Amino acid sequence: MAYLSQILDDLGRHAGSYPAHFEFAEDRRRAEQDVTTMSKMLDPLTESFSKNPPMLLRLAILHVIGFNLDVPDSFPKAVGSFDRLLTLTPDDPSANYRYRSFLAATTRDG
C-alpha cells in the first residue's frame, strides 16, 4: 500500500486538481497510461476493498486523478469509490472534504 500511495502522491502533484500541470506532453501521456493501467489492475478488486477504507480512499484518489486527466469512465469510478468509503466512514472529515472538492471541480467548463 505504501508503493501505491507514493505513486498517487507523485501523480497527484501534477493531476490532483484540474487542470493537470505537466511540463512535457510525454509526461502527461505517461500519467494517463499509469492511471489506466492501475485502474485495470485495481478495479476488479473493488469488491474486495469494500471493507477497507484506506484502500477505497486510494482507489477514489486514483479515479479523481484519472478524471483530471480525462481518462474515460473515471468520474463514475471516483463517485462509486467515495460512496463506498463514506458508507463505511460517514464522519471521516478527510474523505468528506476530498469528495466535496472533487464534486465541486466537476462543474468545470469544457
PDB file of N, CA and C in Angstrom:
ATOM      1  N   MET A   1       0.824  -1.184   0.000  1.00  0.00           N
ATOM      2  CA  MET A   1       0.000   0.000   0.000  1.00  0.00           C
ATOM      3  C   MET A   1       0.876   1.258   0.000  1.00  0.00           C
ATOM      4  N   ALA A   2       2.043   1.187   0.592  1.00  0.00           N
ATOM      5  CA  ALA A   2       2.945   2.348   0.617  1.00  0.00           C
ATOM      6  C   ALA A   2       3.379   2.731  -0.800  1.00  0.00           C
ATOM      7  N   TYR A   3       3.647   1.724  -1.633  1.00  0.00           N
ATOM      8  CA  TYR A   3       4.068   1.997  -3.007  1.00  0.00           C
ATOM      9  C   TYR A   3       2.938   2.660  -3.798  1.00  0.00           C
ATOM     10  N   LEU A   4       1.724   2.162  -3.613  1.00  0.00           N
ATOM     11  CA  LEU A   4       0.567   2.767  -4.279  1.00  0.00           C
ATOM     12  C   LEU A   4       0.396   4.217  -3.823  1.00  0.00           C
ATOM     13  N   SER A   5       0.551   4.461  -2.540  1.00  0.00           N
ATOM     14  CA  SER A   5       0.447   5.819  -2.020  1.00  0.00           C
ATOM     15  C   SER A   5       1.507   6.723  -2.629  1.00  0.00           C
ATOM     16  N   GLN A   6       2.692   6.216  -2.788  1.00  0.00           N
ATOM     17  CA  GLN A   6       3.779   7.004  -3.384  1.00  0.00           C
ATOM     18  C   GLN A   6       3.457   7.357  -4.838  1.00  0.00           C
ATOM     19  N   ILE A   7       2.956   6.387  -5.588  1.00  0.00           N
ATOM     20  CA  ILE A   7       2.586   6.637  -6.979  1.00  0.00           C
ATOM     21  C   ILE A   7       1.479   7.686  -7.051  1.00  0.00           C
ATOM     22  N   LEU A   8       0.469   7.549  -6.196  1.00  0.00           N
ATOM     23  CA  LEU A   8      -0.636   8.500  -6.202  1.00  0.00           C
ATOM     24  C   LEU A   8      -0.168   9.898  -5.792  1.00  0.00           C
ATOM     25  N   ASP A   9       0.742   9.962  -4.839  1.00  0.00           N
ATOM     26  CA  ASP A   9       1.300  11.266  -4.442  1.00  0.00           C
ATOM     27  C   ASP A   9       2.026  11.909  -5.618  1.00  0.00           C
ATOM     28  N   ASP A  10       2.826  11.115  -6.326  1.00  0.00           N
ATOM     29  CA  ASP A  10       3.559  11.644  -7.484  1.00  0.00           C
ATOM     30  C   ASP A  10       2.595  12.124  -8.570  1.00  0.00           C
ATOM     31  N   LEU A  11       1.591  11.320  -8.877  1.00  0.00           N
ATOM     32  CA  LEU A  11       0.612  11.719  -9.888  1.00  0.00           C
ATOM     33  C   LEU A  11      -0.199  12.923  -9.414  1.00  0.00           C
ATOM     34  N   GLY A  12      -0.517  12.927  -8.131  1.00  0.00           N
ATOM     35  CA  GLY A  12      -1.325  13.998  -7.575  1.00  0.00           C
ATOM     36  C   GLY A  12      -0.655  15.360  -7.630  1.00  0.00           C
ATOM     37  N   ARG A  13       0.670  15.374  -7.608  1.00  0.00           N
ATOM     38  CA  ARG A  13       1.377  16.650  -7.708  1.00  0.00           C
ATOM     39  C   ARG A  13       1.087  17.349  -9.035  1.00  0.00           C
ATOM     40  N   HIS A  14       0.806  16.572 -10.043  1.00  0.00           N
ATOM     41  CA  HIS A  14       0.573  17.122 -11.377  1.00  0.00           C
ATOM     42  C   HIS A  14      -0.901  17.089 -11.784  1.00  0.00           C
ATOM     43  N   ALA A  15      -1.626  16.108 -11.289  1.00  0.00           N
ATOM     44  CA  ALA A  15      -3.005  15.928 -11.750  1.00  0.00           C
ATOM     45  C   ALA A  15      -3.986  15.754 -10.597  1.00  0.00           C
ATOM     46  N   GLY A  16      -3.623  16.229  -9.424  1.00  0.00           N
ATOM     47  CA  GLY A  16      -4.519  16.129  -8.279  1.00  0.00           C
ATOM     48  C   GLY A  16      -5.672  17.115  -8.352  1.00  0.00           C
ATOM     49  N   SER A  17      -5.531  18.114  -9.200  1.00  0.00           N
ATOM     50  CA  SER A  17      -6.595  19.080  -9.421  1.00  0.00           C
ATOM     51  C   SER A  17      -6.646  19.383 -10.919  1.00  0.00           C
ATOM     52  N   TYR A  18      -7.728  20.045 -11.302  1.00  0.00           N
ATOM     53  CA  TYR A  18      -7.902  20.364 -12.715  1.00  0.00           C
ATOM     54  C   TYR A  18      -7.607  21.827 -12.938  1.00  0.00           C
ATOM     55  N   PRO A  19      -6.898  22.195 -13.940  1.00  0.00           N
ATOM     56  CA  PRO A  19      -6.308  21.324 -14.965  1.00  0.00           C
ATOM     57  C   PRO A  19      -4.997  20.715 -14.473  1.00  0.00           C
ATOM     58  N   ALA A  20      -4.680  19.577 -15.038  1.00  0.00           N
ATOM     59  CA  ALA A  20      -3.414  18.915 -14.716  1.00  0.00           C
ATOM     60  C   ALA A  20      -2.258  19.754 -15.247  1.00  0.00           C
ATOM     61  N   HIS A  21      -1.147  19.703 -14.549  1.00  0.00           N
ATOM     62  CA  HIS A  21       0.026  20.506 -14.927  1.00  0.00           C
ATOM     63  C   HIS A  21       1.230  19.606 -15.147  1.00  0.00           C
ATOM     64  N   PHE A  22       1.658  19.520 -16.383  1.00  0.00           N
ATOM     65  CA  PHE A  22       2.857  18.761 -16.741  1.00  0.00           C
ATOM     66  C   PHE A  22       3.749  19.648 -17.579  1.00  0.00           C
ATOM     67  N   GLU A  23       5.040  19.509 -17.372  1.00  0.00           N
ATOM     68  CA  GLU A  23       5.980  20.305 -18.156  1.00  0.00           C
ATOM     69  C   GLU A  23       6.030  19.827 -19.601  1.00  0.00           C
ATOM     70  N   PHE A  24       5.927  18.518 -19.784  1.00  0.00           N
ATOM     71  CA  PHE A  24       6.041  17.942 -21.120  1.00  0.00           C
ATOM     72  C   PHE A  24       4.825  17.074 -21.427  1.00  0.00           C
ATOM     73  N   ALA A  25       4.396  17.080 -22.685  1.00  0.00           N
ATOM     74  CA  ALA A  25       3.248  16.282 -23.115  1.00  0.00           C
ATOM     75  C   ALA A  25       3.490  14.792 -22.876  1.00  0.00           C
ATOM     76  N   GLU A  26       4.707  14.351 -23.042  1.00  0.00           N
ATOM     77  CA  GLU A  26       5.027  12.930 -22.822  1.00  0.00           C
ATOM     78  C   GLU A  26       4.789  12.530 -21.361  1.00  0.00           C
ATOM     79  N   ASP A  27       5.064  13.429 -20.437  1.00  0.00           N
ATOM     80  CA  ASP A  27       4.811  13.138 -19.021  1.00  0.00           C
ATOM     81  C   ASP A  27       3.313  12.963 -18.769  1.00  0.00           C
ATOM     82  N   ARG A  28       2.513  13.778 -19.405  1.00  0.00           N
ATOM     83  CA  ARG A  28       1.061  13.646 -19.257  1.00  0.00           C
ATOM     84  C   ARG A  28       0.586  12.314 -19.840  1.00  0.00           C
ATOM     85  N   ARG A  29       1.073  11.960 -21.017  1.00  0.00           N
ATOM     86  CA  ARG A  29       0.677  10.687 -21.636  1.00  0.00           C
ATOM     87  C   ARG A  29       1.073   9.512 -20.737  1.00  0.00           C
ATOM     88  N   ARG A  30       2.245   9.601 -20.138  1.00  0.00           N
ATOM     89  CA  ARG A  30       2.688   8.528 -19.238  1.00  0.00           C
ATOM     90  C   ARG A  30       1.785   8.463 -18.004  1.00  0.00           C
ATOM     91  N   ALA A  31       1.396   9.615 -17.481  1.00  0.00           N
ATOM     92  CA  ALA A  31       0.498   9.644 -16.328  1.00  0.00           C
ATOM     93  C   ALA A  31      -0.859   9.037 -16.682  1.00  0.00           C
ATOM     94  N   GLU A  32      -1.385   9.374 -17.852  1.00  0.00           N
ATOM     95  CA  GLU A  32      -2.649   8.801 -18.304  1.00  0.00           C
ATOM     96  C   GLU A  32      -2.535   7.283 -18.402  1.00  0.00           C
ATOM     97  N   GLN A  33      -1.431   6.801 -18.955  1.00  0.00           N
ATOM     98  CA  GLN A  33      -1.211   5.364 -19.078  1.00  0.00           C
ATOM     99  C   GLN A  33      -1.080   4.709 -17.704  1.00  0.00           C
ATOM    100  N   ASP A  34      -0.382   5.365 -16.786  1.00  0.00           N
ATOM    101  CA  ASP A  34      -0.231   4.816 -15.428  1.00  0.00           C
ATOM    102  C   ASP A  34      -1.586   4.685 -14.743  1.00  0.00           C
ATOM    103  N   VAL A  35      -2.413   5.722 -14.854  1.00  0.00           N
ATOM    104  CA  VAL A  35      -3.735   5.677 -14.227  1.00  0.00           C
ATOM    105  C   VAL A  35      -4.583   4.577 -14.865  1.00  0.00           C
ATOM    106  N   THR A  36      -4.552   4.484 -16.171  1.00  0.00           N
ATOM    107  CA  THR A  36      -5.328   3.456 -16.874  1.00  0.00           C
ATOM    108  C   THR A  36      -4.874   2.058 -16.468  1.00  0.00           C
ATOM    109  N   THR A  37      -3.577   1.849 -16.399  1.00  0.00           N
ATOM    110  CA  THR A  37      -3.034   0.537 -16.026  1.00  0.00           C
ATOM    111  C   THR A  37      -3.406   0.180 -14.590  1.00  0.00           C
ATOM    112  N   MET A  38      -3.229   1.123 -13.670  1.00  0.00           N
ATOM    113  CA  MET A  38      -3.572   0.845 -12.269  1.00  0.00           C
ATOM    114  C   MET A  38      -5.067   0.594 -12.115  1.00  0.00           C
ATOM    115  N   SER A  39      -5.869   1.341 -12.858  1.00  0.00           N
ATOM    116  CA  SER A  39      -7.310   1.139 -12.797  1.00  0.00           C
ATOM    117  C   SER A  39      -7.686  -0.261 -13.273  1.00  0.00           C
ATOM    118  N   LYS A  40      -7.078  -0.701 -14.354  1.00  0.00           N
ATOM    119  CA  LYS A  40      -7.363  -2.056 -14.865  1.00  0.00           C
ATOM    120  C   LYS A  40      -6.964  -3.124 -13.855  1.00  0.00           C
ATOM    121  N   MET A  41      -5.915  -2.861 -13.085  1.00  0.00           N
ATOM    122  CA  MET A  41      -5.466  -3.826 -12.086  1.00  0.00           C
ATOM    123  C   MET A  41      -6.336  -3.789 -10.832  1.00  0.00           C
ATOM    124  N   LEU A  42      -6.732  -2.601 -10.396  1.00  0.00           N
ATOM    125  CA  LEU A  42      -7.416  -2.460  -9.114  1.00  0.00           C
ATOM    126  C   LEU A  42      -8.936  -2.532  -9.200  1.00  0.00           C
ATOM    127  N   ASP A  43      -9.524  -2.069 -10.286  1.00  0.00           N
ATOM    128  CA  ASP A  43     -10.981  -2.041 -10.381  1.00  0.00           C
ATOM    129  C   ASP A  43     -11.629  -3.410 -10.177  1.00  0.00           C
ATOM    130  N   PRO A  44     -11.063  -4.491 -10.728  1.00  0.00           N
ATOM    131  CA  PRO A  44     -11.682  -5.798 -10.480  1.00  0.00           C
ATOM    132  C   PRO A  44     -11.657  -6.211  -9.001  1.00  0.00           C
ATOM    133  N   LEU A  45     -10.816  -5.556  -8.204  1.00  0.00           N
ATOM    134  CA  LEU A  45     -10.692  -5.880  -6.785  1.00  0.00           C
ATOM    135  C   LEU A  45     -11.543  -4.979  -5.902  1.00  0.00           C
ATOM    136  N   THR A  46     -12.317  -4.085  -6.508  1.00  0.00           N
ATOM    137  CA  THR A  46     -13.092  -3.106  -5.743  1.00  0.00           C
ATOM    138  C   THR A  46     -13.953  -3.777  -4.680  1.00  0.00           C
ATOM    139  N   GLU A  47     -14.606  -4.847  -5.028  1.00  0.00           N
ATOM    140  CA  GLU A  47     -15.462  -5.537  -4.052  1.00  0.00           C
ATOM    141  C   GLU A  47     -14.634  -6.051  -2.873  1.00  0.00           C
ATOM    142  N   SER A  48     -13.415  -6.486  -3.130  1.00  0.00           N
ATOM    143  CA  SER A  48     -12.533  -6.947  -2.056  1.00  0.00           C
ATOM    144  C   SER A  48     -12.164  -5.804  -1.112  1.00  0.00           C
ATOM    145  N   PHE A  49     -12.176  -4.583  -1.632  1.00  0.00           N
ATOM    146  CA  PHE A  49     -11.829  -3.415  -0.827  1.00  0.00           C
ATOM    147  C   PHE A  49     -13.030  -2.838  -0.096  1.00  0.00           C
ATOM    148  N   SER A  50     -14.197  -3.464  -0.225  1.00  0.00           N
ATOM    149  CA  SER A  50     -15.434  -2.867   0.271  1.00  0.00           C
ATOM    150  C   SER A  50     -15.434  -2.621   1.768  1.00  0.00           C
ATOM    151  N   LYS A  51     -14.556  -3.258   2.508  1.00  0.00           N
ATOM    152  CA  LYS A  51     -14.465  -3.060   3.953  1.00  0.00           C
ATOM    153  C   LYS A  51     -13.109  -2.478   4.349  1.00  0.00           C
ATOM    154  N   ASN A  52     -12.406  -1.887   3.385  1.00  0.00           N
ATOM    155  CA  ASN A  52     -11.056  -1.381   3.614  1.00  0.00           C
ATOM    156  C   ASN A  52     -11.002   0.114   3.284  1.00  0.00           C
ATOM    157  N   PRO A  53     -11.329   0.973   4.258  1.00  0.00           N
ATOM    158  CA  PRO A  53     -11.355   2.417   3.970  1.00  0.00           C
ATOM    159  C   PRO A  53     -10.052   2.978   3.391  1.00  0.00           C
ATOM    160  N   PRO A  54      -8.868   2.603   3.887  1.00  0.00           N
ATOM    161  CA  PRO A  54      -7.661   3.166   3.280  1.00  0.00           C
ATOM    162  C   PRO A  54      -7.511   2.817   1.794  1.00  0.00           C
ATOM    163  N   MET A  55      -7.889   1.612   1.431  1.00  0.00           N
ATOM    164  CA  MET A  55      -7.772   1.222   0.028  1.00  0.00           C
ATOM    165  C   MET A  55      -8.842   1.903  -0.818  1.00  0.00           C
ATOM    166  N   LEU A  56     -10.046   2.036  -0.272  1.00  0.00           N
ATOM    167  CA  LEU A  56     -11.101   2.741  -1.007  1.00  0.00           C
ATOM    168  C   LEU A  56     -10.723   4.201  -1.241  1.00  0.00           C
ATOM    169  N   LEU A  57     -10.084   4.820  -0.261  1.00  0.00           N
ATOM    170  CA  LEU A  57      -9.640   6.197  -0.437  1.00  0.00           C
ATOM    171  C   LEU A  57      -8.605   6.280  -1.553  1.00  0.00           C
ATOM    172  N   ARG A  58      -7.671   5.368  -1.579  1.00  0.00           N
ATOM    173  CA  ARG A  58      -6.652   5.376  -2.630  1.00  0.00           C
ATOM    174  C   ARG A  58      -7.273   5.145  -4.006  1.00  0.00           C
ATOM    175  N   LEU A  59      -8.247   4.257  -4.050  1.00  0.00           N
ATOM    176  CA  LEU A  59      -8.938   4.000  -5.316  1.00  0.00           C
ATOM    177  C   LEU A  59      -9.695   5.252  -5.770  1.00  0.00           C
ATOM    178  N   ALA A  60     -10.338   5.934  -4.839  1.00  0.00           N
ATOM    179  CA  ALA A  60     -11.041   7.173  -5.184  1.00  0.00           C
ATOM    180  C   ALA A  60     -10.058   8.224  -5.695  1.00  0.00           C
ATOM    181  N   ILE A  61      -8.920   8.364  -5.025  1.00  0.00           N
ATOM    182  CA  ILE A  61      -7.905   9.326  -5.445  1.00  0.00           C
ATOM    183  C   ILE A  61      -7.398   8.992  -6.844  1.00  0.00           C
ATOM    184  N   LEU A  62      -7.166   7.709  -7.102  1.00  0.00           N
ATOM    185  CA  LEU A  62      -6.727   7.281  -8.434  1.00  0.00           C
ATOM    186  C   LEU A  62      -7.713   7.752  -9.494  1.00  0.00           C
ATOM    187  N   HIS A  63      -8.994   7.562  -9.235  1.00  0.00           N
ATOM    188  CA  HIS A  63     -10.001   7.924 -10.231  1.00  0.00           C
ATOM    189  C   HIS A  63     -10.219   9.433 -10.326  1.00  0.00           C
ATOM    190  N   VAL A  64      -9.993  10.160  -9.246  1.00  0.00           N
ATOM    191  CA  VAL A  64     -10.029  11.626  -9.321  1.00  0.00           C
ATOM    192  C   VAL A  64      -8.910  12.101 -10.234  1.00  0.00           C
ATOM    193  N   ILE A  65      -7.732  11.538 -10.052  1.00  0.00           N
ATOM    194  CA  ILE A  65      -6.600  11.883 -10.919  1.00  0.00           C
ATOM    195  C   ILE A  65      -6.939  11.528 -12.362  1.00  0.00           C
ATOM    196  N   GLY A  66      -7.532  10.359 -12.564  1.00  0.00           N
ATOM    197  CA  GLY A  66      -7.951   9.962 -13.902  1.00  0.00           C
ATOM    198  C   GLY A  66      -8.948  10.944 -14.496  1.00  0.00           C
ATOM    199  N   PHE A  67      -9.889  11.398 -13.695  1.00  0.00           N
ATOM    200  CA  PHE A  67     -10.858  12.387 -14.167  1.00  0.00           C
ATOM    201  C   PHE A  67     -10.151  13.666 -14.591  1.00  0.00           C
ATOM    202  N   ASN A  68      -9.185  14.100 -13.792  1.00  0.00           N
ATOM    203  CA  ASN A  68      -8.449  15.325 -14.115  1.00  0.00           C
ATOM    204  C   ASN A  68      -7.591  15.173 -15.365  1.00  0.00           C
ATOM    205  N   LEU A  69      -7.275  13.928 -15.715  1.00  0.00           N
ATOM    206  CA  LEU A  69      -6.515  13.641 -16.931  1.00  0.00           C
ATOM    207  C   LEU A  69      -7.424  13.256 -18.091  1.00  0.00           C
ATOM    208  N   ASP A  70      -8.736  13.338 -17.885  1.00  0.00           N
ATOM    209  CA  ASP A  70      -9.724  12.989 -18.911  1.00  0.00           C
ATOM    210  C   ASP A  70      -9.665  11.518 -19.304  1.00  0.00           C
ATOM    211  N   VAL A  71      -9.322  10.651 -18.359  1.00  0.00           N
ATOM    212  CA  VAL A  71      -9.337   9.207 -18.598  1.00  0.00           C
ATOM    213  C   VAL A  71     -10.808   8.769 -18.586  1.00  0.00           C
ATOM    214  N   PRO A  72     -11.271   8.079 -19.625  1.00  0.00           N
ATOM    215  CA  PRO A  72     -12.681   7.685 -19.711  1.00  0.00           C
ATOM    216  C   PRO A  72     -13.138   6.880 -18.488  1.00  0.00           C
ATOM    217  N   ASP A  73     -14.375   7.093 -18.087  1.00  0.00           N
ATOM    218  CA  ASP A  73     -15.062   6.381 -17.006  1.00  0.00           C
ATOM    219  C   ASP A  73     -14.517   6.684 -15.613  1.00  0.00           C
ATOM    220  N   SER A  74     -13.636   7.650 -15.481  1.00  0.00           N
ATOM    221  CA  SER A  74     -13.069   7.956 -14.169  1.00  0.00           C
ATOM    222  C   SER A  74     -14.088   8.596 -13.235  1.00  0.00           C
ATOM    223  N   PHE A  75     -14.977   9.422 -13.771  1.00  0.00           N
ATOM    224  CA  PHE A  75     -15.960  10.080 -12.906  1.00  0.00           C
ATOM    225  C   PHE A  75     -16.825   9.065 -12.158  1.00  0.00           C
ATOM    226  N   PRO A  76     -17.507   8.150 -12.842  1.00  0.00           N
ATOM    227  CA  PRO A  76     -18.357   7.219 -12.087  1.00  0.00           C
ATOM    228  C   PRO A  76     -17.549   6.301 -11.154  1.00  0.00           C
ATOM    229  N   LYS A  77     -16.329   5.993 -11.529  1.00  0.00           N
ATOM    230  CA  LYS A  77     -15.493   5.159 -10.663  1.00  0.00           C
ATOM    231  C   LYS A  77     -15.102   5.913  -9.398  1.00  0.00           C
ATOM    232  N   ALA A  78     -14.792   7.187  -9.523  1.00  0.00           N
ATOM    233  CA  ALA A  78     -14.461   8.002  -8.349  1.00  0.00           C
ATOM    234  C   ALA A  78     -15.677   8.123  -7.433  1.00  0.00           C
ATOM    235  N   VAL A  79     -16.828   8.425  -8.012  1.00  0.00           N
ATOM    236  CA  VAL A  79     -18.052   8.553  -7.225  1.00  0.00           C
ATOM    237  C   VAL A  79     -18.355   7.245  -6.504  1.00  0.00           C
ATOM    238  N   GLY A  80     -18.252   6.123  -7.197  1.00  0.00           N
ATOM    239  CA  GLY A  80     -18.511   4.823  -6.580  1.00  0.00           C
ATOM    240  C   GLY A  80     -17.560   4.533  -5.431  1.00  0.00           C
ATOM    241  N   SER A  81     -16.297   4.853  -5.613  1.00  0.00           N
ATOM    242  CA  SER A  81     -15.313   4.618  -4.552  1.00  0.00           C
ATOM    243  C   SER A  81     -15.588   5.503  -3.344  1.00  0.00           C
ATOM    244  N   PHE A  82     -15.870   6.778  -3.593  1.00  0.00           N
ATOM    245  CA  PHE A  82     -16.194   7.669  -2.479  1.00  0.00           C
ATOM    246  C   PHE A  82     -17.477   7.237  -1.782  1.00  0.00           C
ATOM    247  N   ASP A  83     -18.488   6.819  -2.540  1.00  0.00           N
ATOM    248  CA  ASP A  83     -19.736   6.357  -1.925  1.00  0.00           C
ATOM    249  C   ASP A  83     -19.497   5.153  -1.021  1.00  0.00           C
ATOM    250  N   ARG A  84     -18.718   4.195  -1.488  1.00  0.00           N
ATOM    251  CA  ARG A  84     -18.396   3.027  -0.655  1.00  0.00           C
ATOM    252  C   ARG A  84     -17.630   3.448   0.600  1.00  0.00           C
ATOM    253  N   LEU A  85     -16.645   4.320   0.404  1.00  0.00           N
ATOM    254  CA  LEU A  85     -15.834   4.790   1.514  1.00  0.00           C
ATOM    255  C   LEU A  85     -16.689   5.509   2.552  1.00  0.00           C
ATOM    256  N   LEU A  86     -17.551   6.406   2.112  1.00  0.00           N
ATOM    257  CA  LEU A  86     -18.350   7.184   3.055  1.00  0.00           C
ATOM    258  C   LEU A  86     -19.490   6.382   3.669  1.00  0.00           C
ATOM    259  N   THR A  87     -19.843   5.273   3.060  1.00  0.00           N
ATOM    260  CA  THR A  87     -20.790   4.356   3.696  1.00  0.00           C
ATOM    261  C   THR A  87     -20.134   3.725   4.923  1.00  0.00           C
ATOM    262  N   LEU A  88     -18.850   3.408   4.799  1.00  0.00           N
ATOM    263  CA  LEU A  88     -18.110   2.817   5.921  1.00  0.00           C
ATOM    264  C   LEU A  88     -17.705   3.849   6.965  1.00  0.00           C
ATOM    265  N   THR A  89     -17.326   5.038   6.498  1.00  0.00           N
ATOM    266  CA  THR A  89     -16.790   6.068   7.398  1.00  0.00           C
ATOM    267  C   THR A  89     -17.475   7.405   7.126  1.00  0.00           C
ATOM    268  N   PRO A  90     -18.765   7.513   7.426  1.00  0.00           N
ATOM    269  CA  PRO A  90     -19.506   8.718   7.062  1.00  0.00           C
ATOM    270  C   PRO A  90     -19.006  10.001   7.730  1.00  0.00           C
ATOM    271  N   ASP A  91     -18.338   9.885   8.852  1.00  0.00           N
ATOM    272  CA  ASP A  91     -17.873  11.070   9.567  1.00  0.00           C
ATOM    273  C   ASP A  91     -16.401  11.375   9.334  1.00  0.00           C
ATOM    274  N   ASP A  92     -15.781  10.708   8.371  1.00  0.00           N
ATOM    275  CA  ASP A  92     -14.359  10.935   8.088  1.00  0.00           C
ATOM    276  C   ASP A  92     -14.202  12.313   7.440  1.00  0.00           C
ATOM    277  N   PRO A  93     -13.599  13.271   8.153  1.00  0.00           N
ATOM    278  CA  PRO A  93     -13.507  14.622   7.593  1.00  0.00           C
ATOM    279  C   PRO A  93     -12.658  14.700   6.329  1.00  0.00           C
ATOM    280  N   SER A  94     -11.579  13.935   6.265  1.00  0.00           N
ATOM    281  CA  SER A  94     -10.709  13.966   5.087  1.00  0.00           C
ATOM    282  C   SER A  94     -11.431  13.414   3.864  1.00  0.00           C
ATOM    283  N   ALA A  95     -12.113  12.293   4.028  1.00  0.00           N
ATOM    284  CA  ALA A  95     -12.836  11.692   2.902  1.00  0.00           C
ATOM    285  C   ALA A  95     -13.960  12.609   2.432  1.00  0.00           C
ATOM    286  N   ASN A  96     -14.693  13.205   3.376  1.00  0.00           N
ATOM    287  CA  ASN A  96     -15.769  14.125   3.011  1.00  0.00           C
ATOM    288  C   ASN A  96     -15.220  15.343   2.286  1.00  0.00           C
ATOM    289  N   TYR A  97     -14.119  15.892   2.765  1.00  0.00           N
ATOM    290  CA  TYR A  97     -13.505  17.048   2.123  1.00  0.00           C
ATOM    291  C   TYR A  97     -13.056  16.708   0.700  1.00  0.00           C
ATOM    292  N   ARG A  98     -12.360  15.570   0.555  1.00  0.00           N
ATOM    293  CA  ARG A  98     -11.885  15.178  -0.773  1.00  0.00           C
ATOM    294  C   ARG A  98     -13.047  14.968  -1.743  1.00  0.00           C
ATOM    295  N   TYR A  99     -14.107  14.338  -1.259  1.00  0.00           N
ATOM    296  CA  TYR A  99     -15.251  14.079  -2.131  1.00  0.00           C
ATOM    297  C   TYR A  99     -15.924  15.395  -2.538  1.00  0.00           C
ATOM    298  N   ARG A 100     -16.155  16.288  -1.571  1.00  0.00           N
ATOM    299  CA  ARG A 100     -16.777  17.578  -1.895  1.00  0.00           C
ATOM    300  C   ARG A 100     -15.905  18.372  -2.859  1.00  0.00           C
ATOM    301  N   SER A 101     -14.600  18.343  -2.629  1.00  0.00           N
ATOM    302  CA  SER A 101     -13.682  19.073  -3.519  1.00  0.00           C
ATOM    303  C   SER A 101     -13.749  18.509  -4.926  1.00  0.00           C
ATOM    304  N   PHE A 102     -13.778  17.191  -5.025  1.00  0.00           N
ATOM    305  CA  PHE A 102     -13.884  16.542  -6.331  1.00  0.00           C
ATOM    306  C   PHE A 102     -15.178  16.939  -7.021  1.00  0.00           C
ATOM    307  N   LEU A 103     -16.297  16.845  -6.309  1.00  0.00           N
ATOM    308  CA  LEU A 103     -17.571  17.185  -6.921  1.00  0.00           C
ATOM    309  C   LEU A 103     -17.621  18.648  -7.344  1.00  0.00           C
ATOM    310  N   ALA A 104     -17.051  19.520  -6.552  1.00  0.00           N
ATOM    311  CA  ALA A 104     -17.001  20.941  -6.922  1.00  0.00           C
ATOM    312  C   ALA A 104     -16.198  21.141  -8.199  1.00  0.00           C
ATOM    313  N   ALA A 105     -15.125  20.379  -8.355  1.00  0.00           N
ATOM    314  CA  ALA A 105     -14.273  20.505  -9.544  1.00  0.00           C
ATOM    315  C   ALA A 105     -14.947  19.958 -10.801  1.00  0.00           C
ATOM    316  N   THR A 106     -15.947  19.132 -10.641  1.00  0.00           N
ATOM    317  CA  THR A 106     -16.610  18.560 -11.818  1.00  0.00           C
ATOM    318  C   THR A 106     -17.506  19.551 -12.511  1.00  0.00           C
ATOM    319  N   THR A 107     -17.678  20.712 -11.931  1.00  0.00           N
ATOM    320  CA  THR A 107     -18.518  21.740 -12.557  1.00  0.00           C
ATOM    321  C   THR A 107     -17.728  22.591 -13.535  1.00  0.00           C
ATOM    322  N   ARG A 108     -16.473  22.219 -13.773  1.00  0.00           N
ATOM    323  CA  ARG A 108     -15.620  22.999 -14.672  1.00  0.00           C
ATOM    324  C   ARG A 108     -16.241  23.108 -16.068  1.00  0.00           C
ATOM    325  N   ASP A 109     -15.915  24.151 -16.748  1.00  0.00           N
ATOM    326  CA  ASP A 109     -16.377  24.330 -18.126  1.00  0.00           C
ATOM    327  C   ASP A 109     -15.505  23.510 -19.060  1.00  0.00           C
ATOM    328  N   GLY A 110     -16.122  23.060 -20.160  1.00  0.00           N
ATOM    329  CA  GLY A 110     -15.366  22.379 -21.198  1.00  0.00           C
ATOM    330  C   GLY A 110     -15.146  21.004 -20.846  1.00  0.00           C
TER     331      GLY A 110
END
